[in-house]
Amino acid sequence: MSITHEKSLCQFIYQVDGHSQGKLAYRYISVNKIDAYSTQVKPEFRGKGIAGELYNALIDFAKQQQLKIKPSCSYIEKRMERNNQDLIA
């Protein structure tokens, strides 16, 4: 298992044995603000915590880069309201 940050695609990709099982996509909306707009996990891999791992990678990235997040994705919005309100744009 690994999470790859494809910066050129603005995506975090969750992979097992080189196969993508989920991804989280974002886009820059200003120099210090990103819009996290999509979290997708393949149906056969749902319920295994993959979306949570992708979310954690996004939060770590935002903190490292001192970014605020506009959570357009409902999953990300719910998680941020519970855990990371300080990062909401």
PDB file of N, CA and C in Angstrom:
ATOM      1  N   MET A   1       0.837  -1.175   0.000  1.00  0.00           N
ATOM      2  CA  MET A   1       0.000   0.000   0.000  1.00  0.00           C
ATOM      3  C   MET A   1       0.877   1.232   0.000  1.00  0.00           C
ATOM      4  N   SER A   2       0.496   2.193  -0.844  1.00  0.00           N
ATOM      5  CA  SER A   2       1.195   3.463  -0.835  1.00  0.00           C
ATOM      6  C   SER A   2       0.253   4.547  -1.336  1.00  0.00           C
ATOM      7  N   ILE A   3       0.509   5.747  -0.868  1.00  0.00           N
ATOM      8  CA  ILE A   3      -0.211   6.912  -1.379  1.00  0.00           C
ATOM      9  C   ILE A   3       0.805   7.754  -2.117  1.00  0.00           C
ATOM     10  N   THR A   4       0.501   8.009  -3.368  1.00  0.00           N
ATOM     11  CA  THR A   4       1.361   8.820  -4.228  1.00  0.00           C
ATOM     12  C   THR A   4       0.707  10.170  -4.427  1.00  0.00           C
ATOM     13  N   HIS A   5       1.505  11.230  -4.300  1.00  0.00           N
ATOM     14  CA  HIS A   5       1.003  12.568  -4.579  1.00  0.00           C
ATOM     15  C   HIS A   5       1.449  12.943  -5.982  1.00  0.00           C
ATOM     16  N   GLU A   6       0.516  12.932  -6.900  1.00  0.00           N
ATOM     17  CA  GLU A   6       0.793  13.329  -8.284  1.00  0.00           C
ATOM     18  C   GLU A   6       0.540  14.826  -8.386  1.00  0.00           C
ATOM     19  N   LYS A   7       1.577  15.618  -8.105  1.00  0.00           N
ATOM     20  CA  LYS A   7       1.416  17.074  -8.051  1.00  0.00           C
ATOM     21  C   LYS A   7       0.971  17.659  -9.379  1.00  0.00           C
ATOM     22  N   SER A   8       1.449  17.124 -10.484  1.00  0.00           N
ATOM     23  CA  SER A   8       1.077  17.673 -11.794  1.00  0.00           C
ATOM     24  C   SER A   8      -0.407  17.435 -12.097  1.00  0.00           C
ATOM     25  N   LEU A   9      -0.985  16.387 -11.507  1.00  0.00           N
ATOM     26  CA  LEU A   9      -2.405  16.077 -11.697  1.00  0.00           C
ATOM     27  C   LEU A   9      -3.262  16.587 -10.541  1.00  0.00           C
ATOM     28  N   CYS A  10      -2.608  17.099  -9.491  1.00  0.00           N
ATOM     29  CA  CYS A  10      -3.300  17.544  -8.273  1.00  0.00           C
ATOM     30  C   CYS A  10      -4.157  16.420  -7.704  1.00  0.00           C
ATOM     31  N   GLN A  11      -3.514  15.269  -7.484  1.00  0.00           N
ATOM     32  CA  GLN A  11      -4.227  14.108  -6.967  1.00  0.00           C
ATOM     33  C   GLN A  11      -3.347  13.325  -5.995  1.00  0.00           C
ATOM     34  N   PHE A  12      -4.025  12.735  -5.014  1.00  0.00           N
ATOM     35  CA  PHE A  12      -3.415  11.720  -4.165  1.00  0.00           C
ATOM     36  C   PHE A  12      -4.010  10.406  -4.622  1.00  0.00           C
ATOM     37  N   ILE A  13      -3.162   9.421  -4.866  1.00  0.00           N
ATOM     38  CA  ILE A  13      -3.623   8.135  -5.388  1.00  0.00           C
ATOM     39  C   ILE A  13      -3.215   7.031  -4.419  1.00  0.00           C
ATOM     40  N   TYR A  14      -4.183   6.223  -4.011  1.00  0.00           N
ATOM     41  CA  TYR A  14      -3.955   5.092  -3.122  1.00  0.00           C
ATOM     42  C   TYR A  14      -3.749   3.864  -3.994  1.00  0.00           C
ATOM     43  N   GLN A  15      -2.583   3.236  -3.848  1.00  0.00           N
ATOM     44  CA  GLN A  15      -2.247   2.099  -4.694  1.00  0.00           C
ATOM     45  C   GLN A  15      -1.826   0.893  -3.860  1.00  0.00           C
ATOM     46  N   VAL A  16      -2.176  -0.274  -4.366  1.00  0.00           N
ATOM     47  CA  VAL A  16      -1.691  -1.535  -3.815  1.00  0.00           C
ATOM     48  C   VAL A  16      -1.141  -2.335  -4.986  1.00  0.00           C
ATOM     49  N   ASP A  17       0.109  -2.732  -4.885  1.00  0.00           N
ATOM     50  CA  ASP A  17       0.780  -3.484  -5.950  1.00  0.00           C
ATOM     51  C   ASP A  17       0.673  -2.776  -7.302  1.00  0.00           C
ATOM     52  N   GLY A  18       0.800  -1.448  -7.291  1.00  0.00           N
ATOM     53  CA  GLY A  18       0.778  -0.673  -8.523  1.00  0.00           C
ATOM     54  C   GLY A  18      -0.593  -0.431  -9.117  1.00  0.00           C
ATOM     55  N   HIS A  19      -1.644  -0.865  -8.428  1.00  0.00           N
ATOM     56  CA  HIS A  19      -3.005  -0.682  -8.931  1.00  0.00           C
ATOM     57  C   HIS A  19      -3.741   0.348  -8.083  1.00  0.00           C
ATOM     58  N   SER A  20      -4.321   1.332  -8.736  1.00  0.00           N
ATOM     59  CA  SER A  20      -5.067   2.374  -8.045  1.00  0.00           C
ATOM     60  C   SER A  20      -6.367   1.819  -7.472  1.00  0.00           C
ATOM     61  N   GLN A  21      -6.581   2.112  -6.198  1.00  0.00           N
ATOM     62  CA  GLN A  21      -7.823   1.699  -5.551  1.00  0.00           C
ATOM     63  C   GLN A  21      -8.676   2.904  -5.149  1.00  0.00           C
ATOM     64  N   GLY A  22      -8.069   4.086  -5.164  1.00  0.00           N
ATOM     65  CA  GLY A  22      -8.803   5.295  -4.819  1.00  0.00           C
ATOM     66  C   GLY A  22      -7.978   6.527  -5.116  1.00  0.00           C
ATOM     67  N   LYS A  23      -8.671   7.667  -5.194  1.00  0.00           N
ATOM     68  CA  LYS A  23      -7.950   8.924  -5.415  1.00  0.00           C
ATOM     69  C   LYS A  23      -8.724  10.088  -4.822  1.00  0.00           C
ATOM     70  N   LEU A  24      -7.973  11.114  -4.498  1.00  0.00           N
ATOM     71  CA  LEU A  24      -8.521  12.361  -4.000  1.00  0.00           C
ATOM     72  C   LEU A  24      -7.962  13.457  -4.897  1.00  0.00           C
ATOM     73  N   ALA A  25      -8.853  14.277  -5.446  1.00  0.00           N
ATOM     74  CA  ALA A  25      -8.430  15.324  -6.378  1.00  0.00           C
ATOM     75  C   ALA A  25      -8.686  16.714  -5.793  1.00  0.00           C
ATOM     76  N   TYR A  26      -7.791  17.624  -6.114  1.00  0.00           N
ATOM     77  CA  TYR A  26      -7.914  19.015  -5.676  1.00  0.00           C
ATOM     78  C   TYR A  26      -7.441  19.924  -6.797  1.00  0.00           C
ATOM     79  N   ARG A  27      -7.726  21.204  -6.654  1.00  0.00           N
ATOM     80  CA  ARG A  27      -7.221  22.208  -7.601  1.00  0.00           C
ATOM     81  C   ARG A  27      -6.904  23.473  -6.822  1.00  0.00           C
ATOM     82  N   TYR A  28      -5.934  24.201  -7.307  1.00  0.00           N
ATOM     83  CA  TYR A  28      -5.592  25.476  -6.684  1.00  0.00           C
ATOM     84  C   TYR A  28      -6.614  26.518  -7.117  1.00  0.00           C
ATOM     85  N   ILE A  29      -7.111  27.285  -6.140  1.00  0.00           N
ATOM     86  CA  ILE A  29      -8.018  28.388  -6.477  1.00  0.00           C
ATOM     87  C   ILE A  29      -7.380  29.733  -6.136  1.00  0.00           C
ATOM     88  N   SER A  30      -6.264  29.696  -5.440  1.00  0.00           N
ATOM     89  CA  SER A  30      -5.418  30.868  -5.229  1.00  0.00           C
ATOM     90  C   SER A  30      -4.056  30.346  -4.779  1.00  0.00           C
ATOM     91  N   VAL A  31      -3.149  31.242  -4.505  1.00  0.00           N
ATOM     92  CA  VAL A  31      -1.792  30.843  -4.136  1.00  0.00           C
ATOM     93  C   VAL A  31      -1.780  29.996  -2.864  1.00  0.00           C
ATOM     94  N   ASN A  32      -2.659  30.303  -1.917  1.00  0.00           N
ATOM     95  CA  ASN A  32      -2.645  29.595  -0.644  1.00  0.00           C
ATOM     96  C   ASN A  32      -3.969  28.900  -0.321  1.00  0.00           C
ATOM     97  N   LYS A  33      -4.737  28.571  -1.364  1.00  0.00           N
ATOM     98  CA  LYS A  33      -6.029  27.921  -1.147  1.00  0.00           C
ATOM     99  C   LYS A  33      -6.273  26.871  -2.225  1.00  0.00           C
ATOM    100  N   ILE A  34      -6.707  25.678  -1.766  1.00  0.00           N
ATOM    101  CA  ILE A  34      -7.057  24.614  -2.705  1.00  0.00           C
ATOM    102  C   ILE A  34      -8.515  24.211  -2.501  1.00  0.00           C
ATOM    103  N   ASP A  35      -9.089  23.702  -3.551  1.00  0.00           N
ATOM    104  CA  ASP A  35     -10.447  23.166  -3.534  1.00  0.00           C
ATOM    105  C   ASP A  35     -10.326  21.653  -3.632  1.00  0.00           C
ATOM    106  N   ALA A  36     -10.678  20.949  -2.555  1.00  0.00           N
ATOM    107  CA  ALA A  36     -10.668  19.482  -2.556  1.00  0.00           C
ATOM    108  C   ALA A  36     -12.056  19.054  -3.016  1.00  0.00           C
ATOM    109  N   TYR A  37     -12.155  18.622  -4.272  1.00  0.00           N
ATOM    110  CA  TYR A  37     -13.467  18.458  -4.886  1.00  0.00           C
ATOM    111  C   TYR A  37     -13.888  17.018  -5.161  1.00  0.00           C
ATOM    112  N   SER A  38     -13.011  16.047  -4.974  1.00  0.00           N
ATOM    113  CA  SER A  38     -13.416  14.678  -5.295  1.00  0.00           C
ATOM    114  C   SER A  38     -12.617  13.658  -4.509  1.00  0.00           C
ATOM    115  N   THR A  39     -13.332  12.725  -3.882  1.00  0.00           N
ATOM    116  CA  THR A  39     -12.721  11.557  -3.260  1.00  0.00           C
ATOM    117  C   THR A  39     -13.444  10.347  -3.819  1.00  0.00           C
ATOM    118  N   GLN A  40     -12.686   9.456  -4.445  1.00  0.00           N
ATOM    119  CA  GLN A  40     -13.290   8.279  -5.057  1.00  0.00           C
ATOM    120  C   GLN A  40     -12.518   7.034  -4.642  1.00  0.00           C
ATOM    121  N   VAL A  41     -13.267   6.018  -4.237  1.00  0.00           N
ATOM    122  CA  VAL A  41     -12.687   4.709  -3.928  1.00  0.00           C
ATOM    123  C   VAL A  41     -13.476   3.692  -4.742  1.00  0.00           C
ATOM    124  N   LYS A  42     -12.759   2.798  -5.399  1.00  0.00           N
ATOM    125  CA  LYS A  42     -13.442   1.771  -6.188  1.00  0.00           C
ATOM    126  C   LYS A  42     -14.392   0.985  -5.284  1.00  0.00           C
ATOM    127  N   PRO A  43     -15.583   0.658  -5.806  1.00  0.00           N
ATOM    128  CA  PRO A  43     -16.601  -0.003  -4.972  1.00  0.00           C
ATOM    129  C   PRO A  43     -16.114  -1.230  -4.208  1.00  0.00           C
ATOM    130  N   GLU A  44     -15.301  -2.031  -4.832  1.00  0.00           N
ATOM    131  CA  GLU A  44     -14.854  -3.262  -4.174  1.00  0.00           C
ATOM    132  C   GLU A  44     -13.882  -3.017  -3.019  1.00  0.00           C
ATOM    133  N   PHE A  45     -13.381  -1.781  -2.887  1.00  0.00           N
ATOM    134  CA  PHE A  45     -12.431  -1.462  -1.824  1.00  0.00           C
ATOM    135  C   PHE A  45     -13.010  -0.516  -0.777  1.00  0.00           C
ATOM    136  N   ARG A  46     -14.278  -0.162  -0.882  1.00  0.00           N
ATOM    137  CA  ARG A  46     -14.904   0.744   0.073  1.00  0.00           C
ATOM    138  C   ARG A  46     -15.027   0.082   1.441  1.00  0.00           C
ATOM    139  N   GLY A  47     -15.018   0.913   2.478  1.00  0.00           N
ATOM    140  CA  GLY A  47     -15.152   0.408   3.839  1.00  0.00           C
ATOM    141  C   GLY A  47     -13.858  -0.101   4.439  1.00  0.00           C
ATOM    142  N   LYS A  48     -12.740   0.175   3.790  1.00  0.00           N
ATOM    143  CA  LYS A  48     -11.436  -0.303   4.273  1.00  0.00           C
ATOM    144  C   LYS A  48     -10.548   0.844   4.769  1.00  0.00           C
ATOM    145  N   GLY A  49     -11.106   2.053   4.863  1.00  0.00           N
ATOM    146  CA  GLY A  49     -10.335   3.188   5.368  1.00  0.00           C
ATOM    147  C   GLY A  49      -9.499   3.907   4.331  1.00  0.00           C
ATOM    148  N   ILE A  50      -9.679   3.580   3.075  1.00  0.00           N
ATOM    149  CA  ILE A  50      -8.867   4.194   2.018  1.00  0.00           C
ATOM    150  C   ILE A  50      -9.157   5.689   1.909  1.00  0.00           C
ATOM    151  N   ALA A  51     -10.420   6.080   1.937  1.00  0.00           N
ATOM    152  CA  ALA A  51     -10.765   7.505   1.850  1.00  0.00           C
ATOM    153  C   ALA A  51     -10.135   8.265   3.016  1.00  0.00           C
ATOM    154  N   GLY A  52     -10.124   7.665   4.188  1.00  0.00           N
ATOM    155  CA  GLY A  52      -9.503   8.299   5.344  1.00  0.00           C
ATOM    156  C   GLY A  52      -8.005   8.488   5.182  1.00  0.00           C
ATOM    157  N   GLU A  53      -7.346   7.512   4.589  1.00  0.00           N
ATOM    158  CA  GLU A  53      -5.904   7.635   4.332  1.00  0.00           C
ATOM    159  C   GLU A  53      -5.625   8.752   3.328  1.00  0.00           C
ATOM    160  N   LEU A  54      -6.456   8.846   2.303  1.00  0.00           N
ATOM    161  CA  LEU A  54      -6.310   9.919   1.317  1.00  0.00           C
ATOM    162  C   LEU A  54      -6.555  11.280   1.966  1.00  0.00           C
ATOM    163  N   TYR A  55      -7.564  11.342   2.820  1.00  0.00           N
ATOM    164  CA  TYR A  55      -7.868  12.574   3.546  1.00  0.00           C
ATOM    165  C   TYR A  55      -6.661  12.998   4.397  1.00  0.00           C
ATOM    166  N   ASN A  56      -6.075  12.059   5.112  1.00  0.00           N
ATOM    167  CA  ASN A  56      -4.913  12.374   5.946  1.00  0.00           C
ATOM    168  C   ASN A  56      -3.753  12.910   5.113  1.00  0.00           C
ATOM    169  N   ALA A  57      -3.553  12.341   3.932  1.00  0.00           N
ATOM    170  CA  ALA A  57      -2.484  12.824   3.047  1.00  0.00           C
ATOM    171  C   ALA A  57      -2.773  14.265   2.614  1.00  0.00           C
ATOM    172  N   LEU A  58      -4.030  14.559   2.309  1.00  0.00           N
ATOM    173  CA  LEU A  58      -4.420  15.923   1.931  1.00  0.00           C
ATOM    174  C   LEU A  58      -4.152  16.897   3.071  1.00  0.00           C
ATOM    175  N   ILE A  59      -4.553  16.542   4.278  1.00  0.00           N
ATOM    176  CA  ILE A  59      -4.370  17.418   5.442  1.00  0.00           C
ATOM    177  C   ILE A  59      -2.884  17.651   5.709  1.00  0.00           C
ATOM    178  N   ASP A  60      -2.087  16.600   5.653  1.00  0.00           N
ATOM    179  CA  ASP A  60      -0.641  16.748   5.855  1.00  0.00           C
ATOM    180  C   ASP A  60      -0.044  17.697   4.820  1.00  0.00           C
ATOM    181  N   PHE A  61      -0.443  17.520   3.570  1.00  0.00           N
ATOM    182  CA  PHE A  61       0.044  18.388   2.490  1.00  0.00           C
ATOM    183  C   PHE A  61      -0.351  19.842   2.756  1.00  0.00           C
ATOM    184  N   ALA A  62      -1.612  20.075   3.108  1.00  0.00           N
ATOM    185  CA  ALA A  62      -2.093  21.439   3.353  1.00  0.00           C
ATOM    186  C   ALA A  62      -1.322  22.094   4.502  1.00  0.00           C
ATOM    187  N   LYS A  63      -1.070  21.345   5.550  1.00  0.00           N
ATOM    188  CA  LYS A  63      -0.319  21.888   6.682  1.00  0.00           C
ATOM    189  C   LYS A  63       1.121  22.204   6.296  1.00  0.00           C
ATOM    190  N   GLN A  64       1.760  21.295   5.560  1.00  0.00           N
ATOM    191  CA  GLN A  64       3.149  21.511   5.140  1.00  0.00           C
ATOM    192  C   GLN A  64       3.282  22.734   4.243  1.00  0.00           C
ATOM    193  N   GLN A  65       2.297  22.926   3.376  1.00  0.00           N
ATOM    194  CA  GLN A  65       2.350  24.019   2.402  1.00  0.00           C
ATOM    195  C   GLN A  65       1.641  25.286   2.895  1.00  0.00           C
ATOM    196  N   GLN A  66       1.102  25.240   4.111  1.00  0.00           N
ATOM    197  CA  GLN A  66       0.356  26.353   4.708  1.00  0.00           C
ATOM    198  C   GLN A  66      -0.805  26.783   3.815  1.00  0.00           C
ATOM    199  N   LEU A  67      -1.617  25.785   3.434  1.00  0.00           N
ATOM    200  CA  LEU A  67      -2.764  26.019   2.570  1.00  0.00           C
ATOM    201  C   LEU A  67      -4.066  25.905   3.348  1.00  0.00           C
ATOM    202  N   LYS A  68      -5.060  26.634   2.901  1.00  0.00           N
ATOM    203  CA  LYS A  68      -6.425  26.468   3.378  1.00  0.00           C
ATOM    204  C   LYS A  68      -7.147  25.611   2.347  1.00  0.00           C
ATOM    205  N   ILE A  69      -8.188  24.920   2.801  1.00  0.00           N
ATOM    206  CA  ILE A  69      -8.908  23.998   1.929  1.00  0.00           C
ATOM    207  C   ILE A  69     -10.369  24.391   1.834  1.00  0.00           C
ATOM    208  N   LYS A  70     -10.849  24.530   0.617  1.00  0.00           N
ATOM    209  CA  LYS A  70     -12.278  24.669   0.364  1.00  0.00           C
ATOM    210  C   LYS A  70     -12.774  23.240   0.108  1.00  0.00           C
ATOM    211  N   PRO A  71     -13.587  22.681   1.007  1.00  0.00           N
ATOM    212  CA  PRO A  71     -14.003  21.285   0.850  1.00  0.00           C
ATOM    213  C   PRO A  71     -15.272  21.139   0.009  1.00  0.00           C
ATOM    214  N   SER A  72     -15.134  21.077  -1.303  1.00  0.00           N
ATOM    215  CA  SER A  72     -16.286  20.896  -2.190  1.00  0.00           C
ATOM    216  C   SER A  72     -16.817  19.471  -2.144  1.00  0.00           C
ATOM    217  N   CYS A  73     -15.974  18.519  -1.863  1.00  0.00           N
ATOM    218  CA  CYS A  73     -16.370  17.109  -1.732  1.00  0.00           C
ATOM    219  C   CYS A  73     -17.071  16.934  -0.384  1.00  0.00           C
ATOM    220  N   SER A  74     -18.246  16.321  -0.395  1.00  0.00           N
ATOM    221  CA  SER A  74     -19.018  16.172   0.850  1.00  0.00           C
ATOM    222  C   SER A  74     -18.272  15.352   1.907  1.00  0.00           C
ATOM    223  N   TYR A  75     -17.538  14.342   1.491  1.00  0.00           N
ATOM    224  CA  TYR A  75     -16.770  13.532   2.441  1.00  0.00           C
ATOM    225  C   TYR A  75     -15.719  14.392   3.139  1.00  0.00           C
ATOM    226  N   ILE A  76     -14.981  15.153   2.364  1.00  0.00           N
ATOM    227  CA  ILE A  76     -13.931  16.001   2.926  1.00  0.00           C
ATOM    228  C   ILE A  76     -14.545  17.074   3.817  1.00  0.00           C
ATOM    229  N   GLU A  77     -15.648  17.637   3.394  1.00  0.00           N
ATOM    230  CA  GLU A  77     -16.318  18.664   4.196  1.00  0.00           C
ATOM    231  C   GLU A  77     -16.704  18.123   5.577  1.00  0.00           C
ATOM    232  N   LYS A  78     -17.309  16.939   5.615  1.00  0.00           N
ATOM    233  CA  LYS A  78     -17.714  16.343   6.897  1.00  0.00           C
ATOM    234  C   LYS A  78     -16.518  16.072   7.792  1.00  0.00           C
ATOM    235  N   ARG A  79     -15.456  15.519   7.212  1.00  0.00           N
ATOM    236  CA  ARG A  79     -14.259  15.226   8.010  1.00  0.00           C
ATOM    237  C   ARG A  79     -13.618  16.505   8.536  1.00  0.00           C
ATOM    238  N   MET A  80     -13.555  17.529   7.705  1.00  0.00           N
ATOM    239  CA  MET A  80     -12.932  18.784   8.129  1.00  0.00           C
ATOM    240  C   MET A  80     -13.750  19.475   9.217  1.00  0.00           C
ATOM    241  N   GLU A  81     -15.060  19.417   9.124  1.00  0.00           N
ATOM    242  CA  GLU A  81     -15.904  20.032  10.153  1.00  0.00           C
ATOM    243  C   GLU A  81     -15.686  19.363  11.504  1.00  0.00           C
ATOM    244  N   ARG A  82     -15.407  18.071  11.505  1.00  0.00           N
ATOM    245  CA  ARG A  82     -15.165  17.343  12.755  1.00  0.00           C
ATOM    246  C   ARG A  82     -13.740  17.506  13.268  1.00  0.00           C
ATOM    247  N   ASN A  83     -12.767  17.531  12.356  1.00  0.00           N
ATOM    248  CA  ASN A  83     -11.376  17.403  12.780  1.00  0.00           C
ATOM    249  C   ASN A  83     -10.435  18.550  12.447  1.00  0.00           C
ATOM    250  N   ASN A  84     -10.694  19.281  11.396  1.00  0.00           N
ATOM    251  CA  ASN A  84      -9.721  20.269  10.931  1.00  0.00           C
ATOM    252  C   ASN A  84     -10.371  21.581  10.534  1.00  0.00           C
ATOM    253  N   GLN A  85     -11.218  22.108  11.400  1.00  0.00           N
ATOM    254  CA  GLN A  85     -11.918  23.355  11.081  1.00  0.00           C
ATOM    255  C   GLN A  85     -10.956  24.512  10.820  1.00  0.00           C
ATOM    256  N   ASP A  86      -9.805  24.479  11.435  1.00  0.00           N
ATOM    257  CA  ASP A  86      -8.833  25.557  11.268  1.00  0.00           C
ATOM    258  C   ASP A  86      -8.283  25.650   9.849  1.00  0.00           C
ATOM    259  N   LEU A  87      -8.430  24.607   9.059  1.00  0.00           N
ATOM    260  CA  LEU A  87      -7.915  24.611   7.682  1.00  0.00           C
ATOM    261  C   LEU A  87      -8.985  24.954   6.640  1.00  0.00           C
ATOM    262  N   ILE A  88     -10.221  25.100   7.079  1.00  0.00           N
ATOM    263  CA  ILE A  88     -11.308  25.384   6.122  1.00  0.00           C
ATOM    264  C   ILE A  88     -11.172  26.809   5.609  1.00  0.00           C
ATOM    265  N   ALA A  89     -11.227  26.939   4.290  1.00  0.00           N
ATOM    266  CA  ALA A  89     -11.127  28.268   3.644  1.00  0.00           C
ATOM    267  C   ALA A  89     -12.488  28.935   3.632  1.00  0.00           C
TER     268      ALA A  89
END
